[in-house]
Amino acid sequence: MSVAPGPPLVKLRVLVRLKPGIMDVQGTAVGRALVGLGFPDLRELRIGKVIELEVEAASAERAGARAEEMCRRLLANPVLEDYAIEIVSEVAAAPGGR
């Protein structure tokens, strides 16, 4: 007996960065440390985060819309951060339908 495959999985990557003009304390600290370690040519460094997701969705567009909603509701602070969503790949099907 075979199990029917679930909906397709779509892999997405969300890049979250502080908005321009927002002070990046962590980036400043890391930048100073790098200069102290012998990288005096460093001019600017800002720290962000990468979030990788796999979403069950009928299409890449639908998965992107779900990721957009996740960003608005939890993954990014819209007051301080910008984000970009990248579709990495569509995977054949989720194992074992749900």
C-alpha atoms as a PDB file:
ATOM      1  CA  MET A   1       0.000   0.000   0.000  1.00  0.00           C
ATOM      2  CA  SER A   2       1.502   3.322  -1.030  1.00  0.00           C
ATOM      3  CA  VAL A   3       0.915   6.607   0.709  1.00  0.00           C
ATOM      4  CA  ALA A   4      -0.275   9.440  -1.490  1.00  0.00           C
ATOM      5  CA  PRO A   5       2.237  12.289  -1.654  1.00  0.00           C
ATOM      6  CA  GLY A   6       1.328  15.517   0.109  1.00  0.00           C
ATOM      7  CA  PRO A   7       1.213  18.948  -1.461  1.00  0.00           C
ATOM      8  CA  PRO A   8       4.424  20.208  -3.066  1.00  0.00           C
ATOM      9  CA  LEU A   9       7.015  21.739  -0.784  1.00  0.00           C
ATOM     10  CA  VAL A  10       8.565  25.069  -1.672  1.00  0.00           C
ATOM     11  CA  LYS A  11      11.863  26.161  -0.105  1.00  0.00           C
ATOM     12  CA  LEU A  12      12.145  29.855   0.631  1.00  0.00           C
ATOM     13  CA  ARG A  13      14.808  32.089   2.103  1.00  0.00           C
ATOM     14  CA  VAL A  14      13.904  35.251   3.998  1.00  0.00           C
ATOM     15  CA  LEU A  15      16.600  37.909   4.409  1.00  0.00           C
ATOM     16  CA  VAL A  16      15.877  40.328   7.254  1.00  0.00           C
ATOM     17  CA  ARG A  17      17.946  43.509   7.624  1.00  0.00           C
ATOM     18  CA  LEU A  18      17.726  46.628   9.715  1.00  0.00           C
ATOM     19  CA  LYS A  19      16.294  49.554   7.786  1.00  0.00           C
ATOM     20  CA  PRO A  20      18.735  52.237   6.647  1.00  0.00           C
ATOM     21  CA  GLY A  21      19.265  54.753   9.421  1.00  0.00           C
ATOM     22  CA  ILE A  22      18.604  52.251  12.214  1.00  0.00           C
ATOM     23  CA  MET A  23      21.708  51.862  14.373  1.00  0.00           C
ATOM     24  CA  ASP A  24      23.216  48.374  14.053  1.00  0.00           C
ATOM     25  CA  VAL A  25      24.937  47.899  17.405  1.00  0.00           C
ATOM     26  CA  GLN A  26      25.928  44.304  16.670  1.00  0.00           C
ATOM     27  CA  GLY A  27      27.312  45.252  13.254  1.00  0.00           C
ATOM     28  CA  THR A  28      29.332  48.087  14.788  1.00  0.00           C
ATOM     29  CA  ALA A  29      30.842  45.740  17.397  1.00  0.00           C
ATOM     30  CA  VAL A  30      31.736  43.093  14.812  1.00  0.00           C
ATOM     31  CA  GLY A  31      33.170  45.741  12.480  1.00  0.00           C
ATOM     32  CA  ARG A  32      35.416  47.109  15.231  1.00  0.00           C
ATOM     33  CA  ALA A  33      36.569  43.584  16.102  1.00  0.00           C
ATOM     34  CA  LEU A  34      37.446  42.856  12.468  1.00  0.00           C
ATOM     35  CA  VAL A  35      39.467  46.077  12.189  1.00  0.00           C
ATOM     36  CA  GLY A  36      41.250  45.048  15.396  1.00  0.00           C
ATOM     37  CA  LEU A  37      42.002  41.648  13.843  1.00  0.00           C
ATOM     38  CA  GLY A  38      43.827  43.253  10.938  1.00  0.00           C
ATOM     39  CA  PHE A  39      41.115  44.166   8.441  1.00  0.00           C
ATOM     40  CA  PRO A  40      41.564  47.965   8.301  1.00  0.00           C
ATOM     41  CA  ASP A  41      40.048  48.129   4.800  1.00  0.00           C
ATOM     42  CA  LEU A  42      36.560  47.320   6.160  1.00  0.00           C
ATOM     43  CA  ARG A  43      34.298  50.324   5.576  1.00  0.00           C
ATOM     44  CA  GLU A  44      30.849  49.132   6.604  1.00  0.00           C
ATOM     45  CA  LEU A  45      29.282  46.034   8.100  1.00  0.00           C
ATOM     46  CA  ARG A  46      25.657  45.408   8.978  1.00  0.00           C
ATOM     47  CA  ILE A  47      24.286  42.264  10.548  1.00  0.00           C
ATOM     48  CA  GLY A  48      21.041  40.655   9.425  1.00  0.00           C
ATOM     49  CA  LYS A  49      19.440  37.260   9.634  1.00  0.00           C
ATOM     50  CA  VAL A  50      18.571  34.508   7.182  1.00  0.00           C
ATOM     51  CA  ILE A  51      15.494  32.364   7.769  1.00  0.00           C
ATOM     52  CA  GLU A  52      15.015  29.253   5.655  1.00  0.00           C
ATOM     53  CA  LEU A  53      11.522  27.802   5.296  1.00  0.00           C
ATOM     54  CA  GLU A  54       9.843  24.857   3.596  1.00  0.00           C
ATOM     55  CA  VAL A  55       6.154  25.507   2.984  1.00  0.00           C
ATOM     56  CA  GLU A  56       3.520  23.146   1.636  1.00  0.00           C
ATOM     57  CA  ALA A  57       1.840  25.048  -1.146  1.00  0.00           C
ATOM     58  CA  ALA A  58       0.233  24.449  -4.526  1.00  0.00           C
ATOM     59  CA  SER A  59       2.589  26.977  -6.159  1.00  0.00           C
ATOM     60  CA  ALA A  60       5.693  29.036  -5.495  1.00  0.00           C
ATOM     61  CA  GLU A  61       3.535  32.165  -5.550  1.00  0.00           C
ATOM     62  CA  ARG A  62       1.293  30.770  -2.817  1.00  0.00           C
ATOM     63  CA  ALA A  63       4.317  29.793  -0.721  1.00  0.00           C
ATOM     64  CA  GLY A  64       5.725  33.296  -1.170  1.00  0.00           C
ATOM     65  CA  ALA A  65       2.430  34.793  -0.005  1.00  0.00           C
ATOM     66  CA  ARG A  66       2.495  32.583   3.114  1.00  0.00           C
ATOM     67  CA  ALA A  67       6.091  33.633   3.841  1.00  0.00           C
ATOM     68  CA  GLU A  68       5.065  37.280   3.397  1.00  0.00           C
ATOM     69  CA  GLU A  69       2.330  36.791   5.986  1.00  0.00           C
ATOM     70  CA  MET A  70       4.799  35.088   8.359  1.00  0.00           C
ATOM     71  CA  CYS A  71       7.161  38.059   8.024  1.00  0.00           C
ATOM     72  CA  ARG A  72       4.421  40.599   8.710  1.00  0.00           C
ATOM     73  CA  ARG A  73       3.162  38.677  11.747  1.00  0.00           C
ATOM     74  CA  LEU A  74       6.373  37.447  13.400  1.00  0.00           C
ATOM     75  CA  LEU A  75       9.624  37.069  11.473  1.00  0.00           C
ATOM     76  CA  ALA A  76      10.413  40.769  10.933  1.00  0.00           C
ATOM     77  CA  ASN A  77       9.743  43.925  12.903  1.00  0.00           C
ATOM     78  CA  PRO A  78       8.260  46.289  10.290  1.00  0.00           C
ATOM     79  CA  VAL A  79       9.228  49.358  12.314  1.00  0.00           C
ATOM     80  CA  LEU A  80      12.948  48.498  12.340  1.00  0.00           C
ATOM     81  CA  GLU A  81      13.518  45.911   9.627  1.00  0.00           C
ATOM     82  CA  ASP A  82      13.119  45.296   5.913  1.00  0.00           C
ATOM     83  CA  TYR A  83      12.906  41.811   4.463  1.00  0.00           C
ATOM     84  CA  ALA A  84      13.189  40.087   1.125  1.00  0.00           C
ATOM     85  CA  ILE A  85      11.748  36.694   0.235  1.00  0.00           C
ATOM     86  CA  GLU A  86      13.566  34.460  -2.235  1.00  0.00           C
ATOM     87  CA  ILE A  87      12.138  31.252  -3.662  1.00  0.00           C
ATOM     88  CA  VAL A  88      14.988  28.766  -3.492  1.00  0.00           C
ATOM     89  CA  SER A  89      13.365  25.695  -5.018  1.00  0.00           C
ATOM     90  CA  GLU A  90      10.231  23.710  -5.413  1.00  0.00           C
ATOM     91  CA  VAL A  91      10.537  20.185  -4.054  1.00  0.00           C
ATOM     92  CA  ALA A  92       8.533  17.400  -5.672  1.00  0.00           C
ATOM     93  CA  ALA A  93       6.036  16.562  -2.917  1.00  0.00           C
ATOM     94  CA  ALA A  94       5.771  16.436   0.832  1.00  0.00           C
ATOM     95  CA  PRO A  95       6.276  12.890   2.093  1.00  0.00           C
ATOM     96  CA  GLY A  96       3.132  11.083   3.287  1.00  0.00           C
ATOM     97  CA  GLY A  97       0.141  13.328   2.576  1.00  0.00           C
ATOM     98  CA  ARG A  98      -1.477  15.143   5.428  1.00  0.00           C
END
